[in-house]
Amino acid sequence: MDHYAVLGVSKTATPDEIKKAYRKLASQHHPDKGGDTNKFQEIQTAYDTLSDPQKRAMYDNPQPQGFPGGGFRMNVNGLDINDIFGQMFNQNFGQRPQRQVYRTQVIVSLLEAYTGTNKILELNTNSEKKIIDIKVPKGVNSGDQLRYDNVLDGASLMIEFNVMPDLRFERRGADLFCNHSIDVFDLIVGSNLEFTTISGKKLSVTIKPKTQPYMQVKLAGQGMPIPNSNMFGDQYILLKPFIPDNINSEIVDTILRNRTQ
């Protein structure tokens, strides 16, 4: 798979060009918008590789590696992901061979990263088939890894998690950010808005009178779980004002009079 071709950029593309192409394609092919999951995974994998300077350098200048004999196929929920990560094997001649390590990637949604979940991996070699139930920890981040020892013929399995972008929430560490459209007059006189957090909880948020446009409202403890703790990040709501289509003429006249005084 040519990562540059997947994103539709040249091999000399700048980081900004790669990021712009990724955002456009991810929005078009996101599964939440009815896009194809396999296509989205290709886009995500390409971006993960090309957006990281070290990974991109290794991709542009691959080094030959030795692989153990025998086929190895890995499927996640019926999808063959052997091409995402290859097999990895190191052996020093004259010394005791090192443990064989297989690597793969497990893709989860932001909601699955919030709640924690389980994923079923089907591992196959020429002589063995094994089903492994993988626990996705709460608060997992892209790049987090989990190791399972002695899963196939004494070999180890290294799993790297990849959390998909979410259409509503932007994640920054343990904090979540999102936009909320609000009537400009609600900012002026104050109002209450109903907000649904990532957990599904509905909260009534008070907007004080004379609130300035593009202010952020903080909901403490409504962000992502912080691993290995009972704490959570925060939720930030950016208030984006809009002017309603139908405005009472008396309101307009009052505003105009006040401006001329």
C-alpha atoms as a PDB file:
ATOM      1  CA  MET A   1       0.000   0.000   0.000  1.00  0.00           C
ATOM      2  CA  ASP A   2       1.410   3.385  -1.073  1.00  0.00           C
ATOM      3  CA  HIS A   3       0.677   5.764   1.793  1.00  0.00           C
ATOM      4  CA  TYR A   4       1.284   8.808  -0.402  1.00  0.00           C
ATOM      5  CA  ALA A   5      -1.183   7.562  -3.013  1.00  0.00           C
ATOM      6  CA  VAL A   6      -3.773   6.814  -0.305  1.00  0.00           C
ATOM      7  CA  LEU A   7      -3.669  10.443   0.859  1.00  0.00           C
ATOM      8  CA  GLY A   8      -3.295  11.792  -2.673  1.00  0.00           C
ATOM      9  CA  VAL A   9      -0.097  13.723  -1.950  1.00  0.00           C
ATOM     10  CA  SER A  10       3.384  13.708  -3.438  1.00  0.00           C
ATOM     11  CA  LYS A  11       6.421  12.235  -1.718  1.00  0.00           C
ATOM     12  CA  THR A  12       7.689  15.791  -1.156  1.00  0.00           C
ATOM     13  CA  ALA A  13       4.469  16.899   0.574  1.00  0.00           C
ATOM     14  CA  THR A  14       4.899  19.089   3.635  1.00  0.00           C
ATOM     15  CA  PRO A  15       3.429  18.096   7.036  1.00  0.00           C
ATOM     16  CA  ASP A  16       0.697  20.717   6.581  1.00  0.00           C
ATOM     17  CA  GLU A  17      -0.222  19.310   3.153  1.00  0.00           C
ATOM     18  CA  ILE A  18      -0.378  15.790   4.584  1.00  0.00           C
ATOM     19  CA  LYS A  19      -2.557  16.929   7.493  1.00  0.00           C
ATOM     20  CA  LYS A  20      -4.910  18.851   5.191  1.00  0.00           C
ATOM     21  CA  ALA A  21      -5.314  15.867   2.852  1.00  0.00           C
ATOM     22  CA  TYR A  22      -5.923  13.528   5.780  1.00  0.00           C
ATOM     23  CA  ARG A  23      -8.633  15.711   7.325  1.00  0.00           C
ATOM     24  CA  LYS A  24     -10.466  15.970   4.014  1.00  0.00           C
ATOM     25  CA  LEU A  25     -10.359  12.226   3.324  1.00  0.00           C
ATOM     26  CA  ALA A  26     -11.125  11.229   6.922  1.00  0.00           C
ATOM     27  CA  SER A  27     -14.228  13.403   6.869  1.00  0.00           C
ATOM     28  CA  GLN A  28     -15.364  11.881   3.563  1.00  0.00           C
ATOM     29  CA  HIS A  29     -14.789   8.250   4.514  1.00  0.00           C
ATOM     30  CA  HIS A  30     -15.464   8.226   8.273  1.00  0.00           C
ATOM     31  CA  PRO A  31     -17.634   5.190   9.182  1.00  0.00           C
ATOM     32  CA  ASP A  32     -19.953   7.443  11.205  1.00  0.00           C
ATOM     33  CA  LYS A  33     -20.825   9.155   7.908  1.00  0.00           C
ATOM     34  CA  GLY A  34     -21.440   5.876   6.121  1.00  0.00           C
ATOM     35  CA  GLY A  35     -17.905   5.552   4.793  1.00  0.00           C
ATOM     36  CA  ASP A  36     -16.078   2.279   4.161  1.00  0.00           C
ATOM     37  CA  THR A  37     -14.244   1.039   7.265  1.00  0.00           C
ATOM     38  CA  ASN A  38     -11.380  -0.552   5.294  1.00  0.00           C
ATOM     39  CA  LYS A  39     -10.811   2.649   3.315  1.00  0.00           C
ATOM     40  CA  PHE A  40     -10.849   4.712   6.497  1.00  0.00           C
ATOM     41  CA  GLN A  41      -8.315   2.374   8.109  1.00  0.00           C
ATOM     42  CA  GLU A  42      -6.015   2.787   5.086  1.00  0.00           C
ATOM     43  CA  ILE A  43      -6.287   6.572   5.386  1.00  0.00           C
ATOM     44  CA  GLN A  44      -5.626   6.442   9.135  1.00  0.00           C
ATOM     45  CA  THR A  45      -2.626   4.131   8.742  1.00  0.00           C
ATOM     46  CA  ALA A  46      -1.169   6.301   5.980  1.00  0.00           C
ATOM     47  CA  TYR A  47      -1.513   9.435   8.083  1.00  0.00           C
ATOM     48  CA  ASP A  48      -0.070   7.785  11.208  1.00  0.00           C
ATOM     49  CA  THR A  49       3.007   6.845   9.195  1.00  0.00           C
ATOM     50  CA  LEU A  50       3.546  10.037   7.197  1.00  0.00           C
ATOM     51  CA  SER A  51       2.748  12.476  10.022  1.00  0.00           C
ATOM     52  CA  ASP A  52       5.468  11.015  12.237  1.00  0.00           C
ATOM     53  CA  PRO A  53       8.933  12.151  10.996  1.00  0.00           C
ATOM     54  CA  GLN A  54      10.662   8.992  12.233  1.00  0.00           C
ATOM     55  CA  LYS A  55       8.057   6.620  10.797  1.00  0.00           C
ATOM     56  CA  ARG A  56       8.047   8.545   7.520  1.00  0.00           C
ATOM     57  CA  ALA A  57      11.814   8.346   7.235  1.00  0.00           C
ATOM     58  CA  MET A  58      11.710   4.580   7.825  1.00  0.00           C
ATOM     59  CA  TYR A  59       8.894   4.244   5.278  1.00  0.00           C
ATOM     60  CA  ASP A  60      10.773   6.285   2.668  1.00  0.00           C
ATOM     61  CA  ASN A  61      13.995   4.364   3.282  1.00  0.00           C
ATOM     62  CA  PRO A  62      13.016   0.824   4.273  1.00  0.00           C
ATOM     63  CA  GLN A  63      15.723  -1.415   5.689  1.00  0.00           C
ATOM     64  CA  PRO A  64      15.758  -5.099   4.746  1.00  0.00           C
ATOM     65  CA  GLN A  65      14.608  -7.383   7.547  1.00  0.00           C
ATOM     66  CA  GLY A  66      14.634 -11.113   8.025  1.00  0.00           C
ATOM     67  CA  PHE A  67      11.330 -12.854   8.702  1.00  0.00           C
ATOM     68  CA  PRO A  68      10.670 -16.308  10.102  1.00  0.00           C
ATOM     69  CA  GLY A  69       9.411 -18.975   7.757  1.00  0.00           C
ATOM     70  CA  GLY A  70       5.770 -19.905   7.542  1.00  0.00           C
ATOM     71  CA  GLY A  71       2.734 -17.742   6.882  1.00  0.00           C
ATOM     72  CA  PHE A  72       1.148 -15.620   9.577  1.00  0.00           C
ATOM     73  CA  ARG A  73      -2.240 -14.015   9.086  1.00  0.00           C
ATOM     74  CA  MET A  74      -4.083 -11.894  11.592  1.00  0.00           C
ATOM     75  CA  ASN A  75      -7.716 -10.895  11.507  1.00  0.00           C
ATOM     76  CA  VAL A  76      -9.645  -8.446  13.691  1.00  0.00           C
ATOM     77  CA  ASN A  77     -13.374  -9.007  13.528  1.00  0.00           C
ATOM     78  CA  GLY A  78     -12.942 -10.776  10.221  1.00  0.00           C
ATOM     79  CA  LEU A  79     -10.617  -8.132   8.697  1.00  0.00           C
ATOM     80  CA  ASP A  80      -7.172  -9.249   7.605  1.00  0.00           C
ATOM     81  CA  ILE A  81      -4.696  -6.747   9.010  1.00  0.00           C
ATOM     82  CA  ASN A  82      -1.495  -8.628   8.322  1.00  0.00           C
ATOM     83  CA  ASP A  83      -0.429  -5.814   6.004  1.00  0.00           C
ATOM     84  CA  ILE A  84      -0.733  -3.168   8.717  1.00  0.00           C
ATOM     85  CA  PHE A  85       2.225  -4.496  10.670  1.00  0.00           C
ATOM     86  CA  GLY A  86       4.622  -7.206   9.508  1.00  0.00           C
ATOM     87  CA  GLN A  87       6.237  -9.905  11.571  1.00  0.00           C
ATOM     88  CA  MET A  88       9.284  -8.984  13.551  1.00  0.00           C
ATOM     89  CA  PHE A  89      12.059 -11.443  14.361  1.00  0.00           C
ATOM     90  CA  ASN A  90      15.573 -10.874  15.676  1.00  0.00           C
ATOM     91  CA  GLN A  91      18.270 -13.520  16.029  1.00  0.00           C
ATOM     92  CA  ASN A  92      21.918 -13.031  16.909  1.00  0.00           C
ATOM     93  CA  PHE A  93      24.154 -15.763  15.549  1.00  0.00           C
ATOM     94  CA  GLY A  94      26.235 -17.461  18.199  1.00  0.00           C
ATOM     95  CA  GLN A  95      23.851 -16.281  20.921  1.00  0.00           C
ATOM     96  CA  ARG A  96      20.573 -17.525  22.336  1.00  0.00           C
ATOM     97  CA  PRO A  97      17.723 -16.564  19.946  1.00  0.00           C
ATOM     98  CA  GLN A  98      15.488 -13.771  21.138  1.00  0.00           C
ATOM     99  CA  ARG A  99      11.764 -14.304  21.613  1.00  0.00           C
ATOM    100  CA  GLN A 100       9.760 -13.928  18.431  1.00  0.00           C
ATOM    101  CA  VAL A 101       7.387 -10.952  18.521  1.00  0.00           C
ATOM    102  CA  TYR A 102       4.353 -10.373  16.352  1.00  0.00           C
ATOM    103  CA  ARG A 103       2.949  -6.873  16.073  1.00  0.00           C
ATOM    104  CA  THR A 104      -0.452  -5.600  15.054  1.00  0.00           C
ATOM    105  CA  GLN A 105      -2.719  -2.615  15.448  1.00  0.00           C
ATOM    106  CA  VAL A 106      -6.189  -2.502  16.991  1.00  0.00           C
ATOM    107  CA  ILE A 107      -8.432   0.381  15.978  1.00  0.00           C
ATOM    108  CA  VAL A 108     -11.011   1.699  18.446  1.00  0.00           C
ATOM    109  CA  SER A 109     -13.463   4.584  18.429  1.00  0.00           C
ATOM    110  CA  LEU A 110     -13.224   7.476  20.878  1.00  0.00           C
ATOM    111  CA  LEU A 111     -16.319   6.165  22.659  1.00  0.00           C
ATOM    112  CA  GLU A 112     -14.705   2.716  23.018  1.00  0.00           C
ATOM    113  CA  ALA A 113     -11.615   4.425  24.440  1.00  0.00           C
ATOM    114  CA  TYR A 114     -13.882   6.207  26.924  1.00  0.00           C
ATOM    115  CA  THR A 115     -15.827   3.180  28.115  1.00  0.00           C
ATOM    116  CA  GLY A 116     -13.199   0.487  27.594  1.00  0.00           C
ATOM    117  CA  THR A 117     -14.160  -2.571  25.570  1.00  0.00           C
ATOM    118  CA  ASN A 118     -13.018  -5.959  24.344  1.00  0.00           C
ATOM    119  CA  LYS A 119     -11.777  -6.897  20.885  1.00  0.00           C
ATOM    120  CA  ILE A 120     -11.493 -10.411  19.507  1.00  0.00           C
ATOM    121  CA  LEU A 121      -8.333 -11.247  17.553  1.00  0.00           C
ATOM    122  CA  GLU A 122      -8.111 -14.351  15.416  1.00  0.00           C
ATOM    123  CA  LEU A 123      -4.502 -15.475  15.029  1.00  0.00           C
ATOM    124  CA  ASN A 124      -3.507 -18.042  12.413  1.00  0.00           C
ATOM    125  CA  THR A 125      -0.279 -19.804  11.532  1.00  0.00           C
ATOM    126  CA  ASN A 126       0.301 -22.852   9.361  1.00  0.00           C
ATOM    127  CA  SER A 127      -0.172 -25.111  12.358  1.00  0.00           C
ATOM    128  CA  GLU A 128      -2.291 -23.213  14.828  1.00  0.00           C
ATOM    129  CA  LYS A 129      -5.373 -21.035  15.135  1.00  0.00           C
ATOM    130  CA  LYS A 130      -6.049 -19.117  18.291  1.00  0.00           C
ATOM    131  CA  ILE A 131      -8.697 -16.659  19.466  1.00  0.00           C
ATOM    132  CA  ILE A 132      -7.548 -13.958  21.875  1.00  0.00           C
ATOM    133  CA  ASP A 133      -9.857 -11.646  23.791  1.00  0.00           C
ATOM    134  CA  ILE A 134      -8.111  -8.275  24.027  1.00  0.00           C
ATOM    135  CA  LYS A 135      -9.179  -5.810  26.708  1.00  0.00           C
ATOM    136  CA  VAL A 136      -9.052  -2.188  25.569  1.00  0.00           C
ATOM    137  CA  PRO A 137      -8.259  -0.107  28.687  1.00  0.00           C
ATOM    138  CA  LYS A 138     -10.347   2.933  29.590  1.00  0.00           C
ATOM    139  CA  GLY A 139      -8.652   6.150  28.505  1.00  0.00           C
ATOM    140  CA  VAL A 140      -6.360   4.432  26.007  1.00  0.00           C
ATOM    141  CA  ASN A 141      -4.471   6.759  23.666  1.00  0.00           C
ATOM    142  CA  SER A 142      -3.218   6.226  20.140  1.00  0.00           C
ATOM    143  CA  GLY A 143       0.236   4.675  20.377  1.00  0.00           C
ATOM    144  CA  ASP A 144      -0.381   2.889  23.684  1.00  0.00           C
ATOM    145  CA  GLN A 145       0.844  -0.705  23.566  1.00  0.00           C
ATOM    146  CA  LEU A 146      -0.111  -3.941  25.267  1.00  0.00           C
ATOM    147  CA  ARG A 147       2.029  -7.101  25.275  1.00  0.00           C
ATOM    148  CA  TYR A 148       0.806 -10.710  25.492  1.00  0.00           C
ATOM    149  CA  ASP A 149       3.433 -13.396  26.007  1.00  0.00           C
ATOM    150  CA  ASN A 150       3.388 -17.000  24.749  1.00  0.00           C
ATOM    151  CA  VAL A 151       0.372 -16.583  22.488  1.00  0.00           C
ATOM    152  CA  LEU A 152       1.652 -18.613  19.502  1.00  0.00           C
ATOM    153  CA  ASP A 153       4.354 -21.253  19.717  1.00  0.00           C
ATOM    154  CA  GLY A 154       5.993 -19.361  22.571  1.00  0.00           C
ATOM    155  CA  ALA A 155       5.982 -16.066  20.656  1.00  0.00           C
ATOM    156  CA  SER A 156       4.761 -12.749  22.039  1.00  0.00           C
ATOM    157  CA  LEU A 157       2.134 -10.440  20.606  1.00  0.00           C
ATOM    158  CA  MET A 158       2.543  -6.654  20.798  1.00  0.00           C
ATOM    159  CA  ILE A 159      -0.652  -4.694  20.226  1.00  0.00           C
ATOM    160  CA  GLU A 160      -0.650  -0.980  19.441  1.00  0.00           C
ATOM    161  CA  PHE A 161      -3.932   0.899  19.844  1.00  0.00           C
ATOM    162  CA  ASN A 162      -5.129   3.515  17.403  1.00  0.00           C
ATOM    163  CA  VAL A 163      -8.027   5.737  18.486  1.00  0.00           C
ATOM    164  CA  MET A 164     -10.060   7.050  15.531  1.00  0.00           C
ATOM    165  CA  PRO A 165     -10.920  10.760  15.276  1.00  0.00           C
ATOM    166  CA  ASP A 166     -14.443  11.582  16.409  1.00  0.00           C
ATOM    167  CA  LEU A 167     -16.846  13.753  14.429  1.00  0.00           C
ATOM    168  CA  ARG A 168     -18.079  15.635  17.479  1.00  0.00           C
ATOM    169  CA  PHE A 169     -15.311  15.694  20.055  1.00  0.00           C
ATOM    170  CA  GLU A 170     -11.679  16.669  19.608  1.00  0.00           C
ATOM    171  CA  ARG A 171      -9.386  15.000  22.094  1.00  0.00           C
ATOM    172  CA  ARG A 172      -6.395  16.744  23.632  1.00  0.00           C
ATOM    173  CA  GLY A 173      -4.890  14.467  26.212  1.00  0.00           C
ATOM    174  CA  ALA A 174      -7.659  13.716  28.705  1.00  0.00           C
ATOM    175  CA  ASP A 175      -9.675  16.817  27.752  1.00  0.00           C
ATOM    176  CA  LEU A 176     -12.407  16.992  25.113  1.00  0.00           C
ATOM    177  CA  PHE A 177     -13.326  20.011  22.991  1.00  0.00           C
ATOM    178  CA  CYS A 178     -16.362  20.688  20.818  1.00  0.00           C
ATOM    179  CA  ASN A 179     -18.324  23.512  19.226  1.00  0.00           C
ATOM    180  CA  HIS A 180     -21.900  24.510  20.047  1.00  0.00           C
ATOM    181  CA  SER A 181     -23.963  26.913  17.945  1.00  0.00           C
ATOM    182  CA  ILE A 182     -25.942  29.447  19.964  1.00  0.00           C
ATOM    183  CA  ASP A 183     -28.344  32.258  19.109  1.00  0.00           C
ATOM    184  CA  VAL A 184     -26.546  35.588  19.527  1.00  0.00           C
ATOM    185  CA  PHE A 185     -29.492  36.893  21.554  1.00  0.00           C
ATOM    186  CA  ASP A 186     -29.088  33.985  23.984  1.00  0.00           C
ATOM    187  CA  LEU A 187     -25.569  35.245  24.608  1.00  0.00           C
ATOM    188  CA  ILE A 188     -26.915  38.730  25.261  1.00  0.00           C
ATOM    189  CA  VAL A 189     -29.786  37.919  27.623  1.00  0.00           C
ATOM    190  CA  GLY A 190     -28.534  34.567  28.940  1.00  0.00           C
ATOM    191  CA  SER A 191     -30.023  31.102  28.482  1.00  0.00           C
ATOM    192  CA  ASN A 192     -29.734  27.420  29.316  1.00  0.00           C
ATOM    193  CA  LEU A 193     -28.552  24.872  26.810  1.00  0.00           C
ATOM    194  CA  GLU A 194     -28.767  21.094  27.001  1.00  0.00           C
ATOM    195  CA  PHE A 195     -25.489  19.333  26.344  1.00  0.00           C
ATOM    196  CA  THR A 196     -24.879  15.613  25.943  1.00  0.00           C
ATOM    197  CA  THR A 197     -21.462  14.449  27.133  1.00  0.00           C
ATOM    198  CA  ILE A 198     -19.475  11.608  25.597  1.00  0.00           C
ATOM    199  CA  SER A 199     -20.838   9.328  28.331  1.00  0.00           C
ATOM    200  CA  GLY A 200     -24.398  10.076  27.153  1.00  0.00           C
ATOM    201  CA  LYS A 201     -25.215  12.163  30.217  1.00  0.00           C
ATOM    202  CA  LYS A 202     -27.465  15.176  29.501  1.00  0.00           C
ATOM    203  CA  LEU A 203     -26.484  18.321  31.372  1.00  0.00           C
ATOM    204  CA  SER A 204     -28.160  21.714  31.616  1.00  0.00           C
ATOM    205  CA  VAL A 205     -25.516  24.387  31.023  1.00  0.00           C
ATOM    206  CA  THR A 206     -26.233  27.968  32.129  1.00  0.00           C
ATOM    207  CA  ILE A 207     -25.112  30.758  29.801  1.00  0.00           C
ATOM    208  CA  LYS A 208     -24.853  34.011  31.730  1.00  0.00           C
ATOM    209  CA  PRO A 209     -26.175  37.291  30.274  1.00  0.00           C
ATOM    210  CA  LYS A 210     -23.665  39.314  28.228  1.00  0.00           C
ATOM    211  CA  THR A 211     -21.532  36.263  27.477  1.00  0.00           C
ATOM    212  CA  GLN A 212     -19.019  37.076  24.757  1.00  0.00           C
ATOM    213  CA  PRO A 213     -19.003  35.099  21.475  1.00  0.00           C
ATOM    214  CA  TYR A 214     -16.534  32.207  21.230  1.00  0.00           C
ATOM    215  CA  MET A 215     -16.205  31.873  24.975  1.00  0.00           C
ATOM    216  CA  GLN A 216     -15.490  28.379  26.286  1.00  0.00           C
ATOM    217  CA  VAL A 217     -17.658  26.727  28.884  1.00  0.00           C
ATOM    218  CA  LYS A 218     -15.846  24.178  31.044  1.00  0.00           C
ATOM    219  CA  LEU A 219     -17.547  21.050  32.341  1.00  0.00           C
ATOM    220  CA  ALA A 220     -15.198  19.659  34.976  1.00  0.00           C
ATOM    221  CA  GLY A 221     -14.720  15.905  35.002  1.00  0.00           C
ATOM    222  CA  GLN A 222     -16.664  15.273  31.778  1.00  0.00           C
ATOM    223  CA  GLY A 223     -13.647  14.432  29.620  1.00  0.00           C
ATOM    224  CA  MET A 224     -11.752  11.183  29.072  1.00  0.00           C
ATOM    225  CA  PRO A 225     -10.765   8.760  31.838  1.00  0.00           C
ATOM    226  CA  ILE A 226      -7.187   9.159  33.008  1.00  0.00           C
ATOM    227  CA  PRO A 227      -5.547   5.696  32.910  1.00  0.00           C
ATOM    228  CA  ASN A 228      -4.614   4.057  36.207  1.00  0.00           C
ATOM    229  CA  SER A 229      -6.683   6.516  38.224  1.00  0.00           C
ATOM    230  CA  ASN A 230     -10.261   7.367  39.116  1.00  0.00           C
ATOM    231  CA  MET A 231      -9.926  10.817  37.571  1.00  0.00           C
ATOM    232  CA  PHE A 232     -11.304  12.298  34.355  1.00  0.00           C
ATOM    233  CA  GLY A 233     -10.329  15.166  32.115  1.00  0.00           C
ATOM    234  CA  ASP A 234     -12.615  18.114  31.379  1.00  0.00           C
ATOM    235  CA  GLN A 235     -15.045  18.987  28.591  1.00  0.00           C
ATOM    236  CA  TYR A 236     -14.777  22.402  26.895  1.00  0.00           C
ATOM    237  CA  ILE A 237     -17.645  23.823  24.824  1.00  0.00           C
ATOM    238  CA  LEU A 238     -16.853  26.636  22.377  1.00  0.00           C
ATOM    239  CA  LEU A 239     -19.898  28.904  21.919  1.00  0.00           C
ATOM    240  CA  LYS A 240     -20.229  29.815  18.233  1.00  0.00           C
ATOM    241  CA  PRO A 241     -22.892  32.516  17.760  1.00  0.00           C
ATOM    242  CA  PHE A 242     -25.301  32.749  14.855  1.00  0.00           C
ATOM    243  CA  ILE A 243     -27.882  35.380  13.887  1.00  0.00           C
ATOM    244  CA  PRO A 244     -31.392  33.926  13.623  1.00  0.00           C
ATOM    245  CA  ASP A 245     -33.173  34.224  10.272  1.00  0.00           C
ATOM    246  CA  ASN A 246     -36.256  35.869  11.759  1.00  0.00           C
ATOM    247  CA  ILE A 247     -35.646  38.852  14.024  1.00  0.00           C
ATOM    248  CA  ASN A 248     -38.454  40.990  15.421  1.00  0.00           C
ATOM    249  CA  SER A 249     -38.342  44.431  13.808  1.00  0.00           C
ATOM    250  CA  GLU A 250     -38.754  46.073  17.200  1.00  0.00           C
ATOM    251  CA  ILE A 251     -35.511  44.476  18.346  1.00  0.00           C
ATOM    252  CA  VAL A 252     -33.712  45.818  15.284  1.00  0.00           C
ATOM    253  CA  ASP A 253     -35.146  49.311  15.832  1.00  0.00           C
ATOM    254  CA  THR A 254     -34.081  49.256  19.478  1.00  0.00           C
ATOM    255  CA  ILE A 255     -30.530  48.257  18.554  1.00  0.00           C
ATOM    256  CA  LEU A 256     -30.324  50.988  15.936  1.00  0.00           C
ATOM    257  CA  ARG A 257     -31.602  53.628  18.378  1.00  0.00           C
ATOM    258  CA  ASN A 258     -29.071  52.584  20.996  1.00  0.00           C
ATOM    259  CA  ARG A 259     -26.227  52.816  18.477  1.00  0.00           C
ATOM    260  CA  THR A 260     -27.177  56.368  17.469  1.00  0.00           C
ATOM    261  CA  GLN A 261     -27.428  57.644  21.022  1.00  0.00           C
END
